PDB file of N, CA and C in Angstrom:
ATOM      1  N   UNK A   1     -89.059 -64.609  19.310  1.00  0.00           N
ATOM      2  CA  UNK A   1     -89.054 -64.062  18.526  1.00  0.00           C
ATOM      3  C   UNK A   1     -87.584 -63.957  17.728  1.00  0.00           C
ATOM      4  N   UNK A   2     -87.777 -64.146  16.425  1.00  0.00           N
ATOM      5  CA  UNK A   2     -86.699 -64.193  15.395  1.00  0.00           C
ATOM      6  C   UNK A   2     -86.346 -62.855  15.034  1.00  0.00           C
ATOM      7  N   UNK A   3     -84.937 -62.607  15.089  1.00  0.00           N
ATOM      8  CA  UNK A   3     -84.245 -61.308  14.566  1.00  0.00           C
ATOM      9  C   UNK A   3     -82.820 -61.145  14.097  1.00  0.00           C
ATOM     10  N   UNK A   4     -82.968 -60.677  13.128  1.00  0.00           N
ATOM     11  CA  UNK A   4     -81.738 -60.394  12.501  1.00  0.00           C
ATOM     12  C   UNK A   4     -81.397 -58.533  12.758  1.00  0.00           C
ATOM     13  N   UNK A   5     -79.983 -58.256  13.287  1.00  0.00           N
ATOM     14  CA  UNK A   5     -79.735 -57.058  13.183  1.00  0.00           C
ATOM     15  C   UNK A   5     -78.561 -56.772  12.812  1.00  0.00           C
ATOM     16  N   UNK A   6     -78.407 -55.685  11.729  1.00  0.00           N
ATOM     17  CA  UNK A   6     -77.389 -54.848  10.868  1.00  0.00           C
ATOM     18  C   UNK A   6     -76.842 -53.967  11.509  1.00  0.00           C
ATOM     19  N   UNK A   7     -75.614 -53.576  11.358  1.00  0.00           N
ATOM     20  CA  UNK A   7     -74.619 -52.404  11.942  1.00  0.00           C
ATOM     21  C   UNK A   7     -73.689 -52.144  10.953  1.00  0.00           C
ATOM     22  N   UNK A   8     -73.274 -51.334  10.867  1.00  0.00           N
ATOM     23  CA  UNK A   8     -71.732 -50.607  10.583  1.00  0.00           C
ATOM     24  C   UNK A   8     -72.125 -50.247   9.330  1.00  0.00           C
ATOM     25  N   UNK A   9     -73.121 -49.805   8.906  1.00  0.00           N
ATOM     26  CA  UNK A   9     -73.296 -48.791   7.518  1.00  0.00           C
ATOM     27  C   UNK A   9     -72.877 -47.194   7.585  1.00  0.00           C
ATOM     28  N   UNK A  10     -72.734 -46.498   6.704  1.00  0.00           N
ATOM     29  CA  UNK A  10     -72.716 -45.351   7.271  1.00  0.00           C
ATOM     30  C   UNK A  10     -72.292 -44.322   5.711  1.00  0.00           C
ATOM     31  N   UNK A  11     -71.510 -43.091   5.538  1.00  0.00           N
ATOM     32  CA  UNK A  11     -70.979 -42.169   4.794  1.00  0.00           C
ATOM     33  C   UNK A  11     -69.702 -42.857   4.568  1.00  0.00           C
ATOM     34  N   UNK A  12     -69.244 -43.300   3.339  1.00  0.00           N
ATOM     35  CA  UNK A  12     -67.614 -43.132   3.244  1.00  0.00           C
ATOM     36  C   UNK A  12     -67.466 -42.999   1.472  1.00  0.00           C
ATOM     37  N   UNK A  13     -65.771 -42.522   1.341  1.00  0.00           N
ATOM     38  CA  UNK A  13     -65.560 -42.126   0.346  1.00  0.00           C
ATOM     39  C   UNK A  13     -65.126 -42.963  -0.959  1.00  0.00           C
ATOM     40  N   UNK A  14     -65.305 -42.747  -1.957  1.00  0.00           N
ATOM     41  CA  UNK A  14     -64.835 -43.735  -3.117  1.00  0.00           C
ATOM     42  C   UNK A  14     -64.003 -44.267  -2.700  1.00  0.00           C
ATOM     43  N   UNK A  15     -63.216 -45.723  -2.586  1.00  0.00           N
ATOM     44  CA  UNK A  15     -62.239 -46.090  -2.344  1.00  0.00           C
ATOM     45  C   UNK A  15     -62.012 -46.753  -0.833  1.00  0.00           C
ATOM     46  N   UNK A  16     -63.277 -46.345  -0.100  1.00  0.00           N
ATOM     47  CA  UNK A  16     -62.685 -46.721   1.308  1.00  0.00           C
ATOM     48  C   UNK A  16     -63.413 -47.707   1.941  1.00  0.00           C
ATOM     49  N   UNK A  17     -63.620 -48.067   3.034  1.00  0.00           N
ATOM     50  CA  UNK A  17     -63.846 -49.631   3.534  1.00  0.00           C
ATOM     51  C   UNK A  17     -64.980 -49.618   4.757  1.00  0.00           C
ATOM     52  N   UNK A  18     -65.846 -50.568   4.714  1.00  0.00           N
ATOM     53  CA  UNK A  18     -66.885 -50.551   5.703  1.00  0.00           C
ATOM     54  C   UNK A  18     -66.735 -51.888   5.872  1.00  0.00           C
ATOM     55  N   UNK A  19     -67.279 -52.405   7.246  1.00  0.00           N
ATOM     56  CA  UNK A  19     -67.598 -53.548   7.712  1.00  0.00           C
ATOM     57  C   UNK A  19     -68.887 -53.760   8.385  1.00  0.00           C
ATOM     58  N   UNK A  20     -70.114 -54.256   7.641  1.00  0.00           N
ATOM     59  CA  UNK A  20     -71.303 -54.293   8.073  1.00  0.00           C
ATOM     60  C   UNK A  20     -71.180 -56.164   8.586  1.00  0.00           C
ATOM     61  N   UNK A  21     -72.264 -55.764   9.950  1.00  0.00           N
ATOM     62  CA  UNK A  21     -72.366 -57.090  10.628  1.00  0.00           C
ATOM     63  C   UNK A  21     -73.729 -57.609  10.879  1.00  0.00           C
ATOM     64  N   UNK A  22     -74.057 -58.349  10.983  1.00  0.00           N
ATOM     65  CA  UNK A  22     -75.401 -58.974  11.196  1.00  0.00           C
ATOM     66  C   UNK A  22     -75.740 -60.076  12.142  1.00  0.00           C
ATOM     67  N   UNK A  23     -76.108 -59.722  13.309  1.00  0.00           N
ATOM     68  CA  UNK A  23     -76.341 -60.437  14.826  1.00  0.00           C
ATOM     69  C   UNK A  23     -77.743 -60.891  14.617  1.00  0.00           C
ATOM     70  N   UNK A  24     -77.321 -62.490  14.628  1.00  0.00           N
ATOM     71  CA  UNK A  24     -78.994 -63.418  14.773  1.00  0.00           C
ATOM     72  C   UNK A  24     -79.267 -63.545  16.424  1.00  0.00           C
ATOM     73  N   UNK A  25     -80.502 -63.269  16.718  1.00  0.00           N
ATOM     74  CA  UNK A  25     -81.126 -63.352  18.199  1.00  0.00           C
ATOM     75  C   UNK A  25     -82.356 -63.915  17.879  1.00  0.00           C
ATOM     76  N   UNK A  26     -82.783 -64.437  19.693  1.00  0.00           N
ATOM     77  CA  UNK A  26     -84.134 -64.738  19.526  1.00  0.00           C
ATOM     78  C   UNK A  26     -83.714 -66.463  19.237  1.00  0.00           C
ATOM     79  N   UNK A  27     -84.809 -66.998  18.860  1.00  0.00           N
ATOM     80  CA  UNK A  27     -84.836 -68.560  18.819  1.00  0.00           C
ATOM     81  C   UNK A  27     -84.751 -68.762  17.214  1.00  0.00           C
ATOM     82  N   UNK A  28     -84.011 -68.333  16.602  1.00  0.00           N
ATOM     83  CA  UNK A  28     -83.367 -68.424  15.175  1.00  0.00           C
ATOM     84  C   UNK A  28     -82.302 -69.554  15.464  1.00  0.00           C
ATOM     85  N   UNK A  29     -82.267 -70.536  14.248  1.00  0.00           N
ATOM     86  CA  UNK A  29     -81.738 -71.576  14.301  1.00  0.00           C
ATOM     87  C   UNK A  29     -80.630 -71.046  13.359  1.00  0.00           C
ATOM     88  N   UNK A  30     -79.510 -70.517  13.790  1.00  0.00           N
ATOM     89  CA  UNK A  30     -78.278 -69.985  12.855  1.00  0.00           C
ATOM     90  C   UNK A  30     -78.415 -70.887  11.262  1.00  0.00           C
ATOM     91  N   UNK A  31     -78.834 -70.192  10.262  1.00  0.00           N
ATOM     92  CA  UNK A  31     -79.261 -70.727   8.985  1.00  0.00           C
ATOM     93  C   UNK A  31     -77.958 -71.674   8.688  1.00  0.00           C
ATOM     94  N   UNK A  32     -78.005 -72.191   7.428  1.00  0.00           N
ATOM     95  CA  UNK A  32     -77.084 -73.225   7.181  1.00  0.00           C
ATOM     96  C   UNK A  32     -76.317 -72.438   6.047  1.00  0.00           C
ATOM     97  N   UNK A  33     -77.327 -71.292   5.565  1.00  0.00           N
ATOM     98  CA  UNK A  33     -77.034 -70.235   4.759  1.00  0.00           C
ATOM     99  C   UNK A  33     -77.053 -69.087   4.985  1.00  0.00           C
ATOM    100  N   UNK A  34     -76.412 -67.848   4.850  1.00  0.00           N
ATOM    101  CA  UNK A  34     -76.498 -66.794   5.619  1.00  0.00           C
ATOM    102  C   UNK A  34     -76.301 -65.671   4.396  1.00  0.00           C
ATOM    103  N   UNK A  35     -77.176 -64.695   3.805  1.00  0.00           N
ATOM    104  CA  UNK A  35     -76.672 -63.787   2.851  1.00  0.00           C
ATOM    105  C   UNK A  35     -76.902 -62.654   3.277  1.00  0.00           C
ATOM    106  N   UNK A  36     -75.889 -61.870   2.473  1.00  0.00           N
ATOM    107  CA  UNK A  36     -76.026 -60.319   2.244  1.00  0.00           C
ATOM    108  C   UNK A  36     -76.830 -59.896   0.704  1.00  0.00           C
ATOM    109  N   UNK A  37     -77.961 -59.187   0.662  1.00  0.00           N
ATOM    110  CA  UNK A  37     -78.205 -58.458  -0.163  1.00  0.00           C
ATOM    111  C   UNK A  37     -78.591 -57.390  -0.139  1.00  0.00           C
ATOM    112  N   UNK A  38     -78.560 -56.598  -1.622  1.00  0.00           N
ATOM    113  CA  UNK A  38     -78.872 -54.991  -1.346  1.00  0.00           C
ATOM    114  C   UNK A  38     -79.457 -54.205  -2.240  1.00  0.00           C
ATOM    115  N   UNK A  39     -79.925 -53.290  -1.862  1.00  0.00           N
ATOM    116  CA  UNK A  39     -81.269 -52.527  -2.761  1.00  0.00           C
ATOM    117  C   UNK A  39     -80.610 -51.063  -2.884  1.00  0.00           C
ATOM    118  N   UNK A  40     -80.428 -50.777  -4.291  1.00  0.00           N
ATOM    119  CA  UNK A  40     -80.398 -49.523  -4.294  1.00  0.00           C
ATOM    120  C   UNK A  40     -81.511 -48.616  -5.038  1.00  0.00           C
ATOM    121  N   UNK A  41     -81.697 -47.382  -4.763  1.00  0.00           N
ATOM    122  CA  UNK A  41     -82.570 -46.673  -4.988  1.00  0.00           C
ATOM    123  C   UNK A  41     -83.289 -47.272  -6.640  1.00  0.00           C
ATOM    124  N   UNK A  42     -84.555 -47.302  -6.949  1.00  0.00           N
ATOM    125  CA  UNK A  42     -85.275 -47.670  -8.046  1.00  0.00           C
ATOM    126  C   UNK A  42     -84.779 -49.120  -8.851  1.00  0.00           C
ATOM    127  N   UNK A  43     -84.192 -49.822  -8.162  1.00  0.00           N
ATOM    128  CA  UNK A  43     -83.623 -50.800  -8.737  1.00  0.00           C
ATOM    129  C   UNK A  43     -84.031 -52.484  -7.487  1.00  0.00           C
ATOM    130  N   UNK A  44     -84.018 -53.274  -7.951  1.00  0.00           N
ATOM    131  CA  UNK A  44     -84.318 -54.486  -7.506  1.00  0.00           C
ATOM    132  C   UNK A  44     -83.412 -55.349  -6.352  1.00  0.00           C
ATOM    133  N   UNK A  45     -83.713 -55.451  -5.551  1.00  0.00           N
ATOM    134  CA  UNK A  45     -82.805 -55.962  -4.175  1.00  0.00           C
ATOM    135  C   UNK A  45     -82.048 -57.229  -4.961  1.00  0.00           C
ATOM    136  N   UNK A  46     -80.733 -57.146  -4.726  1.00  0.00           N
ATOM    137  CA  UNK A  46     -79.748 -58.338  -5.376  1.00  0.00           C
ATOM    138  C   UNK A  46     -78.856 -58.676  -4.476  1.00  0.00           C
ATOM    139  N   UNK A  47     -78.666 -60.051  -4.693  1.00  0.00           N
ATOM    140  CA  UNK A  47     -77.499 -60.969  -4.155  1.00  0.00           C
ATOM    141  C   UNK A  47     -76.406 -60.403  -4.162  1.00  0.00           C
ATOM    142  N   UNK A  48     -75.887 -60.147  -2.802  1.00  0.00           N
ATOM    143  CA  UNK A  48     -74.256 -59.738  -3.004  1.00  0.00           C
ATOM    144  C   UNK A  48     -73.355 -61.125  -2.711  1.00  0.00           C
ATOM    145  N   UNK A  49     -73.597 -61.425  -1.491  1.00  0.00           N
ATOM    146  CA  UNK A  49     -72.833 -62.457  -1.069  1.00  0.00           C
ATOM    147  C   UNK A  49     -73.248 -63.457  -0.348  1.00  0.00           C
ATOM    148  N   UNK A  50     -72.845 -64.769   0.036  1.00  0.00           N
ATOM    149  CA  UNK A  50     -73.566 -65.659   0.883  1.00  0.00           C
ATOM    150  C   UNK A  50     -72.513 -66.536   1.267  1.00  0.00           C
ATOM    151  N   UNK A  51     -72.901 -67.386   2.395  1.00  0.00           N
ATOM    152  CA  UNK A  51     -71.565 -68.346   3.087  1.00  0.00           C
ATOM    153  C   UNK A  51     -72.368 -69.570   3.997  1.00  0.00           C
ATOM    154  N   UNK A  52     -71.935 -70.482   3.460  1.00  0.00           N
ATOM    155  CA  UNK A  52     -72.503 -71.502   4.309  1.00  0.00           C
ATOM    156  C   UNK A  52     -72.279 -71.696   5.803  1.00  0.00           C
ATOM    157  N   UNK A  53     -72.584 -72.796   6.197  1.00  0.00           N
ATOM    158  CA  UNK A  53     -72.240 -73.091   7.826  1.00  0.00           C
ATOM    159  C   UNK A  53     -70.758 -73.550   8.036  1.00  0.00           C
ATOM    160  N   UNK A  54     -70.268 -73.783   6.983  1.00  0.00           N
ATOM    161  CA  UNK A  54     -68.809 -74.536   6.998  1.00  0.00           C
ATOM    162  C   UNK A  54     -68.233 -73.182   6.236  1.00  0.00           C
ATOM    163  N   UNK A  55     -68.317 -72.047   5.747  1.00  0.00           N
ATOM    164  CA  UNK A  55     -67.451 -71.068   5.479  1.00  0.00           C
ATOM    165  C   UNK A  55     -67.360 -71.051   3.905  1.00  0.00           C
ATOM    166  N   UNK A  56     -68.279 -71.850   3.120  1.00  0.00           N
ATOM    167  CA  UNK A  56     -68.323 -71.872   1.647  1.00  0.00           C
ATOM    168  C   UNK A  56     -68.714 -70.682   1.136  1.00  0.00           C
ATOM    169  N   UNK A  57     -68.205 -69.974   0.697  1.00  0.00           N
ATOM    170  CA  UNK A  57     -68.780 -68.226  -0.267  1.00  0.00           C
ATOM    171  C   UNK A  57     -69.162 -68.430  -1.463  1.00  0.00           C
ATOM    172  N   UNK A  58     -69.661 -67.266  -1.639  1.00  0.00           N
ATOM    173  CA  UNK A  58     -69.931 -66.985  -3.005  1.00  0.00           C
ATOM    174  C   UNK A  58     -70.391 -65.314  -3.094  1.00  0.00           C
ATOM    175  N   UNK A  59     -69.819 -65.013  -4.583  1.00  0.00           N
ATOM    176  CA  UNK A  59     -70.062 -63.389  -4.665  1.00  0.00           C
ATOM    177  C   UNK A  59     -70.856 -63.180  -5.719  1.00  0.00           C
ATOM    178  N   UNK A  60     -71.487 -62.129  -5.776  1.00  0.00           N
ATOM    179  CA  UNK A  60     -71.890 -61.428  -7.043  1.00  0.00           C
ATOM    180  C   UNK A  60     -70.696 -60.649  -7.993  1.00  0.00           C
ATOM    181  N   UNK A  61     -70.630 -60.673  -8.943  1.00  0.00           N
ATOM    182  CA  UNK A  61     -69.674 -60.391 -10.102  1.00  0.00           C
ATOM    183  C   UNK A  61     -69.205 -59.154  -9.542  1.00  0.00           C
ATOM    184  N   UNK A  62     -69.679 -58.312  -9.411  1.00  0.00           N
ATOM    185  CA  UNK A  62     -69.647 -56.950  -9.250  1.00  0.00           C
ATOM    186  C   UNK A  62     -69.055 -56.538  -8.090  1.00  0.00           C
ATOM    187  N   UNK A  63     -69.258 -57.858  -6.819  1.00  0.00           N
ATOM    188  CA  UNK A  63     -68.041 -57.291  -5.925  1.00  0.00           C
ATOM    189  C   UNK A  63     -66.940 -58.097  -5.644  1.00  0.00           C
ATOM    190  N   UNK A  64     -66.820 -59.247  -6.530  1.00  0.00           N
ATOM    191  CA  UNK A  64     -65.874 -60.050  -6.425  1.00  0.00           C
ATOM    192  C   UNK A  64     -64.236 -59.275  -6.400  1.00  0.00           C
ATOM    193  N   UNK A  65     -63.505 -59.895  -5.467  1.00  0.00           N
ATOM    194  CA  UNK A  65     -62.039 -59.167  -5.145  1.00  0.00           C
ATOM    195  C   UNK A  65     -62.394 -57.931  -4.341  1.00  0.00           C
ATOM    196  N   UNK A  66     -63.221 -57.716  -3.993  1.00  0.00           N
ATOM    197  CA  UNK A  66     -63.642 -56.381  -3.274  1.00  0.00           C
ATOM    198  C   UNK A  66     -64.166 -56.562  -1.830  1.00  0.00           C
ATOM    199  N   UNK A  67     -65.562 -57.371  -1.597  1.00  0.00           N
ATOM    200  CA  UNK A  67     -65.938 -57.905  -0.553  1.00  0.00           C
ATOM    201  C   UNK A  67     -65.789 -58.872  -0.092  1.00  0.00           C
ATOM    202  N   UNK A  68     -65.742 -59.173   1.075  1.00  0.00           N
ATOM    203  CA  UNK A  68     -65.650 -60.448   1.792  1.00  0.00           C
ATOM    204  C   UNK A  68     -66.434 -60.851   3.007  1.00  0.00           C
ATOM    205  N   UNK A  69     -66.891 -61.871   2.242  1.00  0.00           N
ATOM    206  CA  UNK A  69     -68.266 -62.519   3.758  1.00  0.00           C
ATOM    207  C   UNK A  69     -67.659 -63.577   4.621  1.00  0.00           C
ATOM    208  N   UNK A  70     -67.485 -63.420   6.066  1.00  0.00           N
ATOM    209  CA  UNK A  70     -67.343 -64.067   6.463  1.00  0.00           C
ATOM    210  C   UNK A  70     -68.333 -64.603   8.005  1.00  0.00           C
ATOM    211  N   UNK A  71     -68.459 -65.185   8.851  1.00  0.00           N
ATOM    212  CA  UNK A  71     -69.068 -65.869  10.166  1.00  0.00           C
ATOM    213  C   UNK A  71     -68.277 -66.300  11.248  1.00  0.00           C
ATOM    214  N   UNK A  72     -69.211 -66.035  12.067  1.00  0.00           N
ATOM    215  CA  UNK A  72     -68.844 -66.482  13.818  1.00  0.00           C
ATOM    216  C   UNK A  72     -69.953 -67.339  14.419  1.00  0.00           C
ATOM    217  N   UNK A  73     -70.181 -68.337  13.901  1.00  0.00           N
ATOM    218  CA  UNK A  73     -71.364 -69.529  14.444  1.00  0.00           C
ATOM    219  C   UNK A  73     -71.418 -69.262  16.074  1.00  0.00           C
ATOM    220  N   UNK A  74     -70.386 -69.016  16.479  1.00  0.00           N
ATOM    221  CA  UNK A  74     -70.483 -68.924  18.086  1.00  0.00           C
ATOM    222  C   UNK A  74     -71.038 -67.482  18.573  1.00  0.00           C
ATOM    223  N   UNK A  75     -70.665 -66.785  17.916  1.00  0.00           N
ATOM    224  CA  UNK A  75     -71.560 -65.175  18.443  1.00  0.00           C
ATOM    225  C   UNK A  75     -72.799 -65.163  17.350  1.00  0.00           C
ATOM    226  N   UNK A  76     -73.244 -66.186  16.479  1.00  0.00           N
ATOM    227  CA  UNK A  76     -74.052 -65.647  15.735  1.00  0.00           C
ATOM    228  C   UNK A  76     -74.539 -64.579  15.288  1.00  0.00           C
ATOM    229  N   UNK A  77     -73.025 -64.352  14.237  1.00  0.00           N
ATOM    230  CA  UNK A  77     -73.080 -63.077  13.569  1.00  0.00           C
ATOM    231  C   UNK A  77     -72.133 -63.225  12.288  1.00  0.00           C
ATOM    232  N   UNK A  78     -72.723 -62.626  11.333  1.00  0.00           N
ATOM    233  CA  UNK A  78     -72.073 -62.436   9.863  1.00  0.00           C
ATOM    234  C   UNK A  78     -71.757 -61.242   9.438  1.00  0.00           C
ATOM    235  N   UNK A  79     -70.449 -61.355   8.873  1.00  0.00           N
ATOM    236  CA  UNK A  79     -69.660 -60.061   8.186  1.00  0.00           C
ATOM    237  C   UNK A  79     -69.643 -59.866   7.047  1.00  0.00           C
ATOM    238  N   UNK A  80     -69.855 -58.476   6.259  1.00  0.00           N
ATOM    239  CA  UNK A  80     -69.348 -58.121   4.913  1.00  0.00           C
ATOM    240  C   UNK A  80     -68.350 -56.994   5.222  1.00  0.00           C
ATOM    241  N   UNK A  81     -67.005 -57.645   4.871  1.00  0.00           N
ATOM    242  CA  UNK A  81     -65.832 -56.820   4.668  1.00  0.00           C
ATOM    243  C   UNK A  81     -65.832 -55.892   3.388  1.00  0.00           C
ATOM    244  N   UNK A  82     -66.044 -54.936   3.035  1.00  0.00           N
ATOM    245  CA  UNK A  82     -66.115 -54.136   1.858  1.00  0.00           C
ATOM    246  C   UNK A  82     -65.231 -53.033   1.614  1.00  0.00           C
ATOM    247  N   UNK A  83     -64.209 -53.187   0.665  1.00  0.00           N
ATOM    248  CA  UNK A  83     -63.174 -52.824   0.160  1.00  0.00           C
ATOM    249  C   UNK A  83     -63.140 -51.872  -0.964  1.00  0.00           C
ATOM    250  N   UNK A  84     -62.488 -51.247  -1.328  1.00  0.00           N
ATOM    251  CA  UNK A  84     -62.524 -50.189  -2.352  1.00  0.00           C
ATOM    252  C   UNK A  84     -63.832 -50.305  -3.413  1.00  0.00           C
ATOM    253  N   UNK A  85     -64.692 -49.098  -2.418  1.00  0.00           N
ATOM    254  CA  UNK A  85     -65.891 -49.207  -2.631  1.00  0.00           C
ATOM    255  C   UNK A  85     -66.292 -47.879  -3.322  1.00  0.00           C
ATOM    256  N   UNK A  86     -66.997 -48.132  -4.351  1.00  0.00           N
ATOM    257  CA  UNK A  86     -67.309 -47.512  -5.735  1.00  0.00           C
ATOM    258  C   UNK A  86     -68.781 -46.508  -5.332  1.00  0.00           C
ATOM    259  N   UNK A  87     -69.237 -45.758  -6.248  1.00  0.00           N
ATOM    260  CA  UNK A  87     -70.369 -45.091  -5.704  1.00  0.00           C
ATOM    261  C   UNK A  87     -71.770 -46.142  -6.245  1.00  0.00           C
ATOM    262  N   UNK A  88     -71.450 -47.094  -7.237  1.00  0.00           N
ATOM    263  CA  UNK A  88     -72.353 -47.773  -7.195  1.00  0.00           C
ATOM    264  C   UNK A  88     -72.560 -48.958  -6.447  1.00  0.00           C
ATOM    265  N   UNK A  89     -71.542 -48.821  -5.005  1.00  0.00           N
ATOM    266  CA  UNK A  89     -72.414 -49.853  -4.132  1.00  0.00           C
ATOM    267  C   UNK A  89     -72.854 -49.251  -2.896  1.00  0.00           C
ATOM    268  N   UNK A  90     -73.435 -47.648  -3.353  1.00  0.00           N
ATOM    269  CA  UNK A  90     -74.551 -47.225  -2.636  1.00  0.00           C
ATOM    270  C   UNK A  90     -75.868 -48.124  -2.228  1.00  0.00           C
ATOM    271  N   UNK A  91     -76.533 -47.999  -1.344  1.00  0.00           N
ATOM    272  CA  UNK A  91     -77.517 -49.498  -1.246  1.00  0.00           C
ATOM    273  C   UNK A  91     -78.018 -49.107  -0.189  1.00  0.00           C
ATOM    274  N   UNK A  92     -79.123 -49.767   0.434  1.00  0.00           N
ATOM    275  CA  UNK A  92     -79.583 -50.492   1.644  1.00  0.00           C
ATOM    276  C   UNK A  92     -78.826 -51.966   1.434  1.00  0.00           C
ATOM    277  N   UNK A  93     -78.309 -52.447   2.640  1.00  0.00           N
ATOM    278  CA  UNK A  93     -77.749 -53.779   2.464  1.00  0.00           C
ATOM    279  C   UNK A  93     -78.511 -54.493   3.894  1.00  0.00           C
ATOM    280  N   UNK A  94     -78.889 -55.687   3.246  1.00  0.00           N
ATOM    281  CA  UNK A  94     -79.667 -56.164   4.181  1.00  0.00           C
ATOM    282  C   UNK A  94     -79.018 -57.739   4.595  1.00  0.00           C
ATOM    283  N   UNK A  95     -79.278 -58.363   5.837  1.00  0.00           N
ATOM    284  CA  UNK A  95     -78.786 -59.673   5.998  1.00  0.00           C
ATOM    285  C   UNK A  95     -80.210 -60.423   6.074  1.00  0.00           C
ATOM    286  N   UNK A  96     -79.922 -61.704   5.393  1.00  0.00           N
ATOM    287  CA  UNK A  96     -81.019 -62.898   5.322  1.00  0.00           C
ATOM    288  C   UNK A  96     -80.329 -64.071   5.449  1.00  0.00           C
ATOM    289  N   UNK A  97     -81.327 -64.962   6.584  1.00  0.00           N
ATOM    290  CA  UNK A  97     -81.583 -66.332   6.730  1.00  0.00           C
ATOM    291  C   UNK A  97     -82.567 -67.103   7.255  1.00  0.00           C
ATOM    292  N   UNK A  98     -82.611 -68.074   7.220  1.00  0.00           N
ATOM    293  CA  UNK A  98     -83.445 -68.984   7.388  1.00  0.00           C
ATOM    294  C   UNK A  98     -84.963 -68.344   7.369  1.00  0.00           C
ATOM    295  N   UNK A  99     -85.385 -67.605   6.271  1.00  0.00           N
ATOM    296  CA  UNK A  99     -86.540 -67.139   5.769  1.00  0.00           C
ATOM    297  C   UNK A  99     -86.809 -65.634   6.380  1.00  0.00           C
ATOM    298  N   UNK A 100     -85.622 -65.057   7.202  1.00  0.00           N
ATOM    299  CA  UNK A 100     -85.868 -63.956   7.946  1.00  0.00           C
ATOM    300  C   UNK A 100     -85.222 -63.019   6.881  1.00  0.00           C
ATOM    301  N   UNK A 101     -85.349 -61.411   7.161  1.00  0.00           N
ATOM    302  CA  UNK A 101     -84.589 -60.656   6.746  1.00  0.00           C
ATOM    303  C   UNK A 101     -84.642 -59.037   7.993  1.00  0.00           C
ATOM    304  N   UNK A 102     -83.253 -58.975   8.042  1.00  0.00           N
ATOM    305  CA  UNK A 102     -82.695 -57.893   8.753  1.00  0.00           C
ATOM    306  C   UNK A 102     -83.451 -56.614   8.495  1.00  0.00           C
ATOM    307  N   UNK A 103     -83.435 -55.408   9.271  1.00  0.00           N
ATOM    308  CA  UNK A 103     -84.089 -54.276   8.888  1.00  0.00           C
ATOM    309  C   UNK A 103     -83.797 -53.232   7.840  1.00  0.00           C
ATOM    310  N   UNK A 104     -82.050 -53.606   7.543  1.00  0.00           N
ATOM    311  CA  UNK A 104     -81.360 -53.017   6.603  1.00  0.00           C
ATOM    312  C   UNK A 104     -80.185 -52.176   7.664  1.00  0.00           C
ATOM    313  N   UNK A 105     -79.363 -51.547   6.775  1.00  0.00           N
ATOM    314  CA  UNK A 105     -78.387 -50.624   6.874  1.00  0.00           C
ATOM    315  C   UNK A 105     -77.915 -50.110   5.561  1.00  0.00           C
ATOM    316  N   UNK A 106     -78.039 -48.659   5.601  1.00  0.00           N
ATOM    317  CA  UNK A 106     -77.670 -47.634   4.749  1.00  0.00           C
ATOM    318  C   UNK A 106     -75.999 -47.968   4.352  1.00  0.00           C
ATOM    319  N   UNK A 107     -75.916 -47.886   3.488  1.00  0.00           N
ATOM    320  CA  UNK A 107     -74.504 -47.385   2.827  1.00  0.00           C
ATOM    321  C   UNK A 107     -74.578 -46.359   1.669  1.00  0.00           C
ATOM    322  N   UNK A 108     -73.573 -45.521   2.071  1.00  0.00           N
ATOM    323  CA  UNK A 108     -73.354 -44.251   0.659  1.00  0.00           C
ATOM    324  C   UNK A 108     -72.133 -44.191   0.908  1.00  0.00           C
ATOM    325  N   UNK A 109     -71.865 -44.051  -0.854  1.00  0.00           N
ATOM    326  CA  UNK A 109     -70.241 -43.845  -1.388  1.00  0.00           C
ATOM    327  C   UNK A 109     -70.518 -42.746  -1.874  1.00  0.00           C
ATOM    328  N   UNK A 110     -69.756 -41.802  -1.138  1.00  0.00           N
ATOM    329  CA  UNK A 110     -69.829 -40.455  -2.170  1.00  0.00           C
ATOM    330  C   UNK A 110     -68.786 -39.671  -1.527  1.00  0.00           C
ATOM    331  N   UNK A 111     -68.087 -38.561  -2.509  1.00  0.00           N
ATOM    332  CA  UNK A 111     -67.155 -37.462  -1.947  1.00  0.00           C
ATOM    333  C   UNK A 111     -67.438 -36.348  -1.695  1.00  0.00           C
TER     334      UNK A 111
END
């Protein structure tokens, strides 16, 4: 049974920070590329950031300089550090790898 489980979402004020985690369990091969996506109400799911097994990263223009993706292969965990959060970052954030999606974690940025 392959599973990706996200955690760390919540309510934060504009300008605040959150750290999301995604843990891989089961028989999943910890994918060469792990990604974070997000989906806001009424919008399509969009790629936020991804990271290769050796740590090469890429980001959507909307989050460059504010978000940082990282991974710990030994712990089979991917992280998304989000700083200087804006209301437009409000969305359900999903972890993805090896054809598997996590269940999503809600991030709400509001005063």
